[in-house]
Each structure stands twice: as structure tokens, then as C-alpha cells.
PDB file of all heavy atoms in Angstrom:
ATOM      1  N   TYR A   1      95.207  94.599  92.328  1.00  0.00           N
ATOM      2  CA  TYR A   1      96.292  94.259  93.240  1.00  0.00           C
ATOM      3  C   TYR A   1      97.150  95.489  93.427  1.00  0.00           C
ATOM      4  O   TYR A   1      97.370  96.288  92.524  1.00  0.00           O
ATOM      5  CB  TYR A   1      97.176  93.134  92.679  1.00  0.00           C
ATOM      6  CG  TYR A   1      96.385  91.995  92.084  1.00  0.00           C
ATOM      7  CD1 TYR A   1      96.310  91.863  90.703  1.00  0.00           C
ATOM      8  CD2 TYR A   1      95.722  91.104  92.900  1.00  0.00           C
ATOM      9  CE1 TYR A   1      95.593  90.816  90.152  1.00  0.00           C
ATOM     10  CE2 TYR A   1      95.021  90.047  92.336  1.00  0.00           C
ATOM     11  CZ  TYR A   1      94.935  89.904  90.965  1.00  0.00           C
ATOM     12  OH  TYR A   1      94.230  88.887  90.424  1.00  0.00           O
ATOM     13  N   ILE A   2      97.675  95.628  94.627  1.00  0.00           N
ATOM     14  CA  ILE A   2      98.579  96.727  94.963  1.00  0.00           C
ATOM     15  C   ILE A   2      99.934  96.100  95.293  1.00  0.00           C
ATOM     16  O   ILE A   2     100.001  95.138  96.068  1.00  0.00           O
ATOM     17  CB  ILE A   2      98.052  97.538  96.150  1.00  0.00           C
ATOM     18  CG1 ILE A   2      96.650  98.070  95.838  1.00  0.00           C
ATOM     19  CG2 ILE A   2      98.992  98.677  96.497  1.00  0.00           C
ATOM     20  CD1 ILE A   2      95.925  98.590  97.074  1.00  0.00           C
ATOM     21  N   PHE A   3     100.987  96.665  94.743  1.00  0.00           N
ATOM     22  CA  PHE A   3     102.292  96.081  95.033  1.00  0.00           C
ATOM     23  C   PHE A   3     103.367  97.144  95.040  1.00  0.00           C
ATOM     24  O   PHE A   3     103.246  98.177  94.374  1.00  0.00           O
ATOM     25  CB  PHE A   3     102.632  94.975  94.000  1.00  0.00           C
ATOM     26  CG  PHE A   3     102.808  95.478  92.611  1.00  0.00           C
ATOM     27  CD1 PHE A   3     104.093  95.842  92.119  1.00  0.00           C
ATOM     28  CD2 PHE A   3     101.743  95.572  91.733  1.00  0.00           C
ATOM     29  CE1 PHE A   3     104.256  96.257  90.834  1.00  0.00           C
ATOM     30  CE2 PHE A   3     101.918  96.019  90.421  1.00  0.00           C
ATOM     31  CZ  PHE A   3     103.176  96.346  89.956  1.00  0.00           C
ATOM     32  N   PRO A   4     104.492  96.899  95.760  1.00  0.00           N
ATOM     33  CA  PRO A   4     105.605  97.841  95.774  1.00  0.00           C
ATOM     34  C   PRO A   4     106.539  97.508  94.587  1.00  0.00           C
ATOM     35  O   PRO A   4     106.743  96.339  94.240  1.00  0.00           O
ATOM     36  CB  PRO A   4     106.286  97.532  97.076  1.00  0.00           C
ATOM     37  CG  PRO A   4     106.027  96.091  97.354  1.00  0.00           C
ATOM     38  CD  PRO A   4     104.679  95.809  96.746  1.00  0.00           C
ATOM     39  N   GLY A   5     107.025  98.555  93.947  1.00  0.00           N
ATOM     40  CA  GLY A   5     107.890  98.320  92.829  1.00  0.00           C
ATOM     41  C   GLY A   5     108.794  99.498  92.528  1.00  0.00           C
ATOM     42  O   GLY A   5     108.783 100.515  93.196  1.00  0.00           O
ATOM     43  N   ILE A   6     109.516  99.350  91.399  1.00  0.00           N
ATOM     44  CA  ILE A   6     110.391 100.384  90.884  1.00  0.00           C
ATOM     45  C   ILE A   6     110.131 100.499  89.393  1.00  0.00           C
ATOM     46  O   ILE A   6     110.095  99.498  88.683  1.00  0.00           O
ATOM     47  CB  ILE A   6     111.874 100.061  91.138  1.00  0.00           C
ATOM     48  CG1 ILE A   6     112.162  99.998  92.652  1.00  0.00           C
ATOM     49  CG2 ILE A   6     112.777 101.081  90.490  1.00  0.00           C
ATOM     50  CD1 ILE A   6     113.597  99.589  92.952  1.00  0.00           C
ATOM     51  N   LEU A   7     109.944 101.718  88.906  1.00  0.00           N
ATOM     52  CA  LEU A   7     109.773 101.947  87.483  1.00  0.00           C
ATOM     53  C   LEU A   7     111.107 102.351  86.887  1.00  0.00           C
ATOM     54  O   LEU A   7     111.706 103.328  87.278  1.00  0.00           O
ATOM     55  CB  LEU A   7     108.727 103.044  87.244  1.00  0.00           C
ATOM     56  CG  LEU A   7     108.485 103.425  85.765  1.00  0.00           C
ATOM     57  CD1 LEU A   7     107.896 102.255  85.005  1.00  0.00           C
ATOM     58  CD2 LEU A   7     107.567 104.638  85.693  1.00  0.00           C
ATOM     59  N   GLU A   8     111.569 101.542  85.925  1.00  0.00           N
ATOM     60  CA  GLU A   8     112.820 101.849  85.212  1.00  0.00           C
ATOM     61  C   GLU A   8     112.476 101.917  83.744  1.00  0.00           C
ATOM     62  O   GLU A   8     112.199 100.871  83.107  1.00  0.00           O
ATOM     63  CB  GLU A   8     113.878 100.810  85.505  1.00  0.00           C
ATOM     64  CG  GLU A   8     114.365 100.795  86.947  1.00  0.00           C
ATOM     65  CD  GLU A   8     115.499  99.811  87.185  1.00  0.00           C
ATOM     66  OE1 GLU A   8     115.882  99.133  86.198  1.00  0.00           O
ATOM     67  OE2 GLU A   8     115.998  99.714  88.324  1.00  0.00           O
ATOM     68  N   GLY A   9     112.507 103.116  83.202  1.00  0.00           N
ATOM     69  CA  GLY A   9     112.071 103.299  81.811  1.00  0.00           C
ATOM     70  C   GLY A   9     110.583 103.025  81.730  1.00  0.00           C
ATOM     71  O   GLY A   9     109.779 103.645  82.385  1.00  0.00           O
ATOM     72  N   SER A  10     110.212 102.052  80.892  1.00  0.00           N
ATOM     73  CA  SER A  10     108.799 101.687  80.772  1.00  0.00           C
ATOM     74  C   SER A  10     108.485 100.368  81.453  1.00  0.00           C
ATOM     75  O   SER A  10     107.401  99.790  81.254  1.00  0.00           O
ATOM     76  CB  SER A  10     108.439 101.585  79.267  1.00  0.00           C
ATOM     77  OG  SER A  10     109.209 100.574  78.633  1.00  0.00           O
ATOM     78  N   THR A  11     109.439  99.860  82.228  1.00  0.00           N
ATOM     79  CA  THR A  11     109.252  98.548  82.869  1.00  0.00           C
ATOM     80  C   THR A  11     109.119  98.719  84.362  1.00  0.00           C
ATOM     81  O   THR A  11     109.920  99.419  85.021  1.00  0.00           O
ATOM     82  CB  THR A  11     110.463  97.635  82.558  1.00  0.00           C
ATOM     83  OG1 THR A  11     110.596  97.495  81.138  1.00  0.00           O
ATOM     84  CG2 THR A  11     110.244  96.258  83.196  1.00  0.00           C
ATOM     85  N   VAL A  12     108.110  98.050  84.921  1.00  0.00           N
ATOM     86  CA  VAL A  12     107.910  98.037  86.353  1.00  0.00           C
ATOM     87  C   VAL A  12     108.491  96.746  86.930  1.00  0.00           C
ATOM     88  O   VAL A  12     108.138  95.656  86.457  1.00  0.00           O
ATOM     89  CB  VAL A  12     106.409  98.140  86.699  1.00  0.00           C
ATOM     90  CG1 VAL A  12     106.227  98.022  88.235  1.00  0.00           C
ATOM     91  CG2 VAL A  12     105.856  99.443  86.174  1.00  0.00           C
ATOM     92  N   TYR A  13     109.332  96.886  87.931  1.00  0.00           N
ATOM     93  CA  TYR A  13     109.898  95.717  88.583  1.00  0.00           C
ATOM     94  C   TYR A  13     109.375  95.650  90.018  1.00  0.00           C
ATOM     95  O   TYR A  13     109.249  96.677  90.728  1.00  0.00           O
ATOM     96  CB  TYR A  13     111.429  95.808  88.645  1.00  0.00           C
ATOM     97  CG  TYR A  13     112.062  95.746  87.265  1.00  0.00           C
ATOM     98  CD1 TYR A  13     112.411  96.927  86.585  1.00  0.00           C
ATOM     99  CD2 TYR A  13     112.352  94.524  86.640  1.00  0.00           C
ATOM    100  CE1 TYR A  13     112.975  96.889  85.338  1.00  0.00           C
ATOM    101  CE2 TYR A  13     112.920  94.493  85.391  1.00  0.00           C
ATOM    102  CZ  TYR A  13     113.242  95.645  84.727  1.00  0.00           C
ATOM    103  OH  TYR A  13     113.806  95.599  83.483  1.00  0.00           O
ATOM    104  N   MET A  14     109.091  94.438  90.440  1.00  0.00           N
ATOM    105  CA  MET A  14     108.703  94.226  91.858  1.00  0.00           C
ATOM    106  C   MET A  14     109.829  94.659  92.758  1.00  0.00           C
ATOM    107  O   MET A  14     111.008  94.446  92.442  1.00  0.00           O
ATOM    108  CB  MET A  14     108.377  92.762  92.112  1.00  0.00           C
ATOM    109  CG  MET A  14     107.154  92.225  91.355  1.00  0.00           C
ATOM    110  SD  MET A  14     105.625  92.987  91.892  1.00  0.00           S
ATOM    111  CE  MET A  14     105.598  92.517  93.607  1.00  0.00           C
ATOM    112  N   TYR A  15     109.476  95.264  93.899  1.00  0.00           N
ATOM    113  CA  TYR A  15     110.496  95.678  94.818  1.00  0.00           C
ATOM    114  C   TYR A  15     111.072  94.470  95.536  1.00  0.00           C
ATOM    115  O   TYR A  15     110.330  93.617  96.064  1.00  0.00           O
ATOM    116  CB  TYR A  15     109.944  96.684  95.856  1.00  0.00           C
ATOM    117  CG  TYR A  15     111.032  97.497  96.508  1.00  0.00           C
ATOM    118  CD1 TYR A  15     111.497  98.664  95.934  1.00  0.00           C
ATOM    119  CD2 TYR A  15     111.637  97.050  97.692  1.00  0.00           C
ATOM    120  CE1 TYR A  15     112.509  99.408  96.534  1.00  0.00           C
ATOM    121  CE2 TYR A  15     112.654  97.771  98.296  1.00  0.00           C
ATOM    122  CZ  TYR A  15     113.096  98.942  97.683  1.00  0.00           C
ATOM    123  OH  TYR A  15     114.122  99.659  98.254  1.00  0.00           O
ATOM    124  N   ASP A  16     112.374  94.365  95.579  1.00  0.00           N
ATOM    125  CA  ASP A  16     113.055  93.233  96.178  1.00  0.00           C
ATOM    126  C   ASP A  16     113.561  93.641  97.550  1.00  0.00           C
ATOM    127  O   ASP A  16     114.548  94.395  97.671  1.00  0.00           O
ATOM    128  CB  ASP A  16     114.226  92.817  95.277  1.00  0.00           C
ATOM    129  CG  ASP A  16     114.685  91.399  95.522  1.00  0.00           C
ATOM    130  OD1 ASP A  16     113.879  90.587  95.985  1.00  0.00           O
ATOM    131  OD2 ASP A  16     115.877  91.119  95.268  1.00  0.00           O
ATOM    132  N   PHE A  17     112.906  93.179  98.594  1.00  0.00           N
ATOM    133  CA  PHE A  17     113.337  93.482  99.970  1.00  0.00           C
ATOM    134  C   PHE A  17     114.449  92.504 100.353  1.00  0.00           C
ATOM    135  O   PHE A  17     114.237  91.287 100.322  1.00  0.00           O
ATOM    136  CB  PHE A  17     112.145  93.361 100.934  1.00  0.00           C
ATOM    137  CG  PHE A  17     111.026  94.316 100.670  1.00  0.00           C
ATOM    138  CD1 PHE A  17     109.975  93.966  99.807  1.00  0.00           C
ATOM    139  CD2 PHE A  17     111.029  95.598 101.203  1.00  0.00           C
ATOM    140  CE1 PHE A  17     108.950  94.825  99.576  1.00  0.00           C
ATOM    141  CE2 PHE A  17     109.980  96.479 100.960  1.00  0.00           C
ATOM    142  CZ  PHE A  17     108.939  96.090 100.136  1.00  0.00           C
ATOM    143  N   ALA A  18     115.592  93.038 100.702  1.00  0.00           N
ATOM    144  CA  ALA A  18     116.737  92.164 101.019  1.00  0.00           C
ATOM    145  C   ALA A  18     117.234  92.456 102.414  1.00  0.00           C
ATOM    146  O   ALA A  18     117.302  93.604 102.868  1.00  0.00           O
ATOM    147  CB  ALA A  18     117.869  92.432 100.010  1.00  0.00           C
ATOM    148  N   THR A  19     117.607  91.395 103.110  1.00  0.00           N
ATOM    149  CA  THR A  19     118.218  91.525 104.432  1.00  0.00           C
ATOM    150  C   THR A  19     119.424  90.597 104.507  1.00  0.00           C
ATOM    151  O   THR A  19     119.480  89.548 103.855  1.00  0.00           O
ATOM    152  CB  THR A  19     117.241  91.138 105.579  1.00  0.00           C
ATOM    153  OG1 THR A  19     116.997  89.741 105.544  1.00  0.00           O
ATOM    154  CG2 THR A  19     115.962  91.931 105.458  1.00  0.00           C
ATOM    155  N   VAL A  20     120.411  90.988 105.287  1.00  0.00           N
ATOM    156  CA  VAL A  20     121.548  90.157 105.599  1.00  0.00           C
ATOM    157  C   VAL A  20     121.270  89.471 106.918  1.00  0.00           C
ATOM    158  O   VAL A  20     121.205  90.147 107.966  1.00  0.00           O
ATOM    159  CB  VAL A  20     122.855  90.945 105.637  1.00  0.00           C
ATOM    160  CG1 VAL A  20     124.014  90.051 106.009  1.00  0.00           C
ATOM    161  CG2 VAL A  20     123.122  91.619 104.277  1.00  0.00           C
ATOM    162  N   GLY A  21     121.038  88.211 106.906  1.00  0.00           N
ATOM    163  CA  GLY A  21     120.623  87.501 108.118  1.00  0.00           C
ATOM    164  C   GLY A  21     119.132  87.541 108.266  1.00  0.00           C
ATOM    165  O   GLY A  21     118.406  88.158 107.467  1.00  0.00           O
ATOM    166  N   ALA A  22     118.660  86.884 109.306  1.00  0.00           N
ATOM    167  CA  ALA A  22     117.196  86.707 109.527  1.00  0.00           C
ATOM    168  C   ALA A  22     116.596  87.916 110.232  1.00  0.00           C
ATOM    169  O   ALA A  22     116.225  87.842 111.404  1.00  0.00           O
ATOM    170  CB  ALA A  22     116.946  85.423 110.301  1.00  0.00           C
ATOM    171  N   ALA A  23     116.502  89.013 109.512  1.00  0.00           N
ATOM    172  CA  ALA A  23     116.004  90.255 110.145  1.00  0.00           C
ATOM    173  C   ALA A  23     114.534  90.463 109.811  1.00  0.00           C
ATOM    174  O   ALA A  23     113.998  89.974 108.798  1.00  0.00           O
ATOM    175  CB  ALA A  23     116.796  91.439 109.620  1.00  0.00           C
ATOM    176  N   GLU A  24     113.849  91.208 110.660  1.00  0.00           N
ATOM    177  CA  GLU A  24     112.477  91.606 110.432  1.00  0.00           C
ATOM    178  C   GLU A  24     112.441  92.624 109.286  1.00  0.00           C
ATOM    179  O   GLU A  24     113.350  93.431 109.147  1.00  0.00           O
ATOM    180  CB  GLU A  24     111.895  92.182 111.695  1.00  0.00           C
ATOM    181  CG  GLU A  24     110.459  92.711 111.577  1.00  0.00           C
ATOM    182  CD  GLU A  24     110.030  93.389 112.859  1.00  0.00           C
ATOM    183  OE1 GLU A  24     109.533  92.678 113.760  1.00  0.00           O
ATOM    184  OE2 GLU A  24     110.198  94.634 112.976  1.00  0.00           O
ATOM    185  N   VAL A  25     111.375  92.558 108.495  1.00  0.00           N
ATOM    186  CA  VAL A  25     111.181  93.499 107.374  1.00  0.00           C
ATOM    187  C   VAL A  25     109.892  94.289 107.624  1.00  0.00           C
ATOM    188  O   VAL A  25     108.871  93.680 107.985  1.00  0.00           O
ATOM    189  CB  VAL A  25     111.103  92.777 106.030  1.00  0.00           C
ATOM    190  CG1 VAL A  25     110.958  93.809 104.876  1.00  0.00           C
ATOM    191  CG2 VAL A  25     112.353  91.920 105.814  1.00  0.00           C
ATOM    192  N   SER A  26     109.929  95.564 107.429  1.00  0.00           N
ATOM    193  CA  SER A  26     108.718  96.366 107.564  1.00  0.00           C
ATOM    194  C   SER A  26     108.693  97.410 106.437  1.00  0.00           C
ATOM    195  O   SER A  26     109.719  97.980 106.075  1.00  0.00           O
ATOM    196  CB  SER A  26     108.633  97.068 108.932  1.00  0.00           C
ATOM    197  OG  SER A  26     109.706  97.956 109.098  1.00  0.00           O
ATOM    198  N   VAL A  27     107.510  97.638 105.894  1.00  0.00           N
ATOM    199  CA  VAL A  27     107.336  98.651 104.846  1.00  0.00           C
ATOM    200  C   VAL A  27     105.968  99.293 105.078  1.00  0.00           C
ATOM    201  O   VAL A  27     104.961  98.620 105.231  1.00  0.00           O
ATOM    202  CB  VAL A  27     107.440  98.050 103.470  1.00  0.00           C
ATOM    203  CG1 VAL A  27     106.485  96.892 103.246  1.00  0.00           C
ATOM    204  CG2 VAL A  27     107.255  99.114 102.386  1.00  0.00           C
ATOM    205  N   THR A  28     105.935 100.611 105.126  1.00  0.00           N
ATOM    206  CA  THR A  28     104.727 101.357 105.392  1.00  0.00           C
ATOM    207  C   THR A  28     104.102 101.818 104.075  1.00  0.00           C
ATOM    208  O   THR A  28     104.782 102.383 103.202  1.00  0.00           O
ATOM    209  CB  THR A  28     104.991 102.580 106.278  1.00  0.00           C
ATOM    210  OG1 THR A  28     105.577 102.134 107.505  1.00  0.00           O
ATOM    211  CG2 THR A  28     103.707 103.360 106.574  1.00  0.00           C
ATOM    212  N   PHE A  29     102.825 101.557 103.911  1.00  0.00           N
ATOM    213  CA  PHE A  29     102.095 101.961 102.724  1.00  0.00           C
ATOM    214  C   PHE A  29     101.658 103.402 102.844  1.00  0.00           C
ATOM    215  O   PHE A  29     100.895 103.772 103.746  1.00  0.00           O
ATOM    216  CB  PHE A  29     100.870 101.067 102.526  1.00  0.00           C
ATOM    217  CG  PHE A  29     100.043 101.471 101.345  1.00  0.00           C
ATOM    218  CD1 PHE A  29     100.341 101.002 100.070  1.00  0.00           C
ATOM    219  CD2 PHE A  29      98.937 102.306 101.497  1.00  0.00           C
ATOM    220  CE1 PHE A  29      99.578 101.408  98.981  1.00  0.00           C
ATOM    221  CE2 PHE A  29      98.171 102.716 100.407  1.00  0.00           C
ATOM    222  CZ  PHE A  29      98.509 102.240  99.143  1.00  0.00           C
ATOM    223  N   LYS A  30     102.194 104.265 101.931  1.00  0.00           N
ATOM    224  CA  LYS A  30     101.734 105.654 101.846  1.00  0.00           C
ATOM    225  C   LYS A  30     101.365 105.993 100.389  1.00  0.00           C
ATOM    226  O   LYS A  30     101.449 107.166  99.998  1.00  0.00           O
ATOM    227  CB  LYS A  30     102.772 106.588 102.403  1.00  0.00           C
ATOM    228  CG  LYS A  30     102.916 106.469 103.911  1.00  0.00           C
ATOM    229  CD  LYS A  30     103.565 107.681 104.543  1.00  0.00           C
ATOM    230  CE  LYS A  30     103.499 107.591 106.068  1.00  0.00           C
ATOM    231  NZ  LYS A  30     104.114 108.787 106.726  1.00  0.00           N
ATOM    232  N   GLY A  31     101.000 104.943  99.668  1.00  0.00           N
ATOM    233  CA  GLY A  31     100.477 105.150  98.310  1.00  0.00           C
ATOM    234  C   GLY A  31     101.379 105.984  97.437  1.00  0.00           C
ATOM    235  O   GLY A  31     102.565 105.643  97.220  1.00  0.00           O
ATOM    236  N   ASN A  32     100.838 107.126  96.927  1.00  0.00           N
ATOM    237  CA  ASN A  32     101.620 107.937  96.006  1.00  0.00           C
ATOM    238  C   ASN A  32     102.737 108.714  96.664  1.00  0.00           C
ATOM    239  O   ASN A  32     103.515 109.399  96.016  1.00  0.00           O
ATOM    240  CB  ASN A  32     100.686 108.932  95.268  1.00  0.00           C
ATOM    241  CG  ASN A  32      99.866 109.786  96.179  1.00  0.00           C
ATOM    242  OD1 ASN A  32     100.180 109.861  97.404  1.00  0.00           O
ATOM    243  ND2 ASN A  32      98.834 110.440  95.667  1.00  0.00           N
ATOM    244  N   GLU A  33     102.850 108.547  97.970  1.00  0.00           N
ATOM    245  CA  GLU A  33     103.989 109.157  98.690  1.00  0.00           C
ATOM    246  C   GLU A  33     105.104 108.138  98.927  1.00  0.00           C
ATOM    247  O   GLU A  33     106.132 108.477  99.538  1.00  0.00           O
ATOM    248  CB  GLU A  33     103.505 109.744 100.037  1.00  0.00           C
ATOM    249  CG  GLU A  33     102.483 110.850  99.874  1.00  0.00           C
ATOM    250  CD  GLU A  33     101.994 111.348 101.213  1.00  0.00           C
ATOM    251  OE1 GLU A  33     102.509 110.847 102.265  1.00  0.00           O
ATOM    252  OE2 GLU A  33     101.112 112.247 101.215  1.00  0.00           O
ATOM    253  N   GLY A  34     104.916 106.899  98.503  1.00  0.00           N
ATOM    254  CA  GLY A  34     105.952 105.900  98.637  1.00  0.00           C
ATOM    255  C   GLY A  34     105.971 105.258 100.011  1.00  0.00           C
ATOM    256  O   GLY A  34     104.932 104.946 100.584  1.00  0.00           O
ATOM    257  N   SER A  35     107.191 105.096 100.555  1.00  0.00           N
ATOM    258  CA  SER A  35     107.337 104.470 101.867  1.00  0.00           C
ATOM    259  C   SER A  35     108.512 105.117 102.567  1.00  0.00           C
ATOM    260  O   SER A  35     109.581 105.321 101.976  1.00  0.00           O
ATOM    261  CB  SER A  35     107.624 102.967 101.726  1.00  0.00           C
ATOM    262  OG  SER A  35     108.005 102.399 102.953  1.00  0.00           O
ATOM    263  N   PRO A  36     108.355 105.522 103.818  1.00  0.00           N
ATOM    264  CA  PRO A  36     109.446 106.204 104.535  1.00  0.00           C
ATOM    265  C   PRO A  36     110.669 105.318 104.730  1.00  0.00           C
ATOM    266  O   PRO A  36     111.790 105.825 104.893  1.00  0.00           O
ATOM    267  CB  PRO A  36     108.829 106.613 105.872  1.00  0.00           C
ATOM    268  CG  PRO A  36     107.692 105.668 106.081  1.00  0.00           C
ATOM    269  CD  PRO A  36     107.162 105.399 104.689  1.00  0.00           C
TER     270      PRO A  36
END
């Protein structure tokens, strides 16, 4: 499985995409380069 996340110390947390209101969300996969 591939997933977006944040590494804090030795713990990986799922990335929490947040919007205020009903907005569209987009995230571009660039692997080891992250996301613009």
C-alpha cells in the first residue's frame, strides 16, 4: 500500500487533509519528492 504521511520521530502518521467548507482536495503523487 502507498499512502501519504508525516514522520515524527519514529512514528508515521497518516496525512490529514483538512478543508474549511466543502472544498475540492487534490494531491499530486511524486513519490520520494513528496507533493507540490
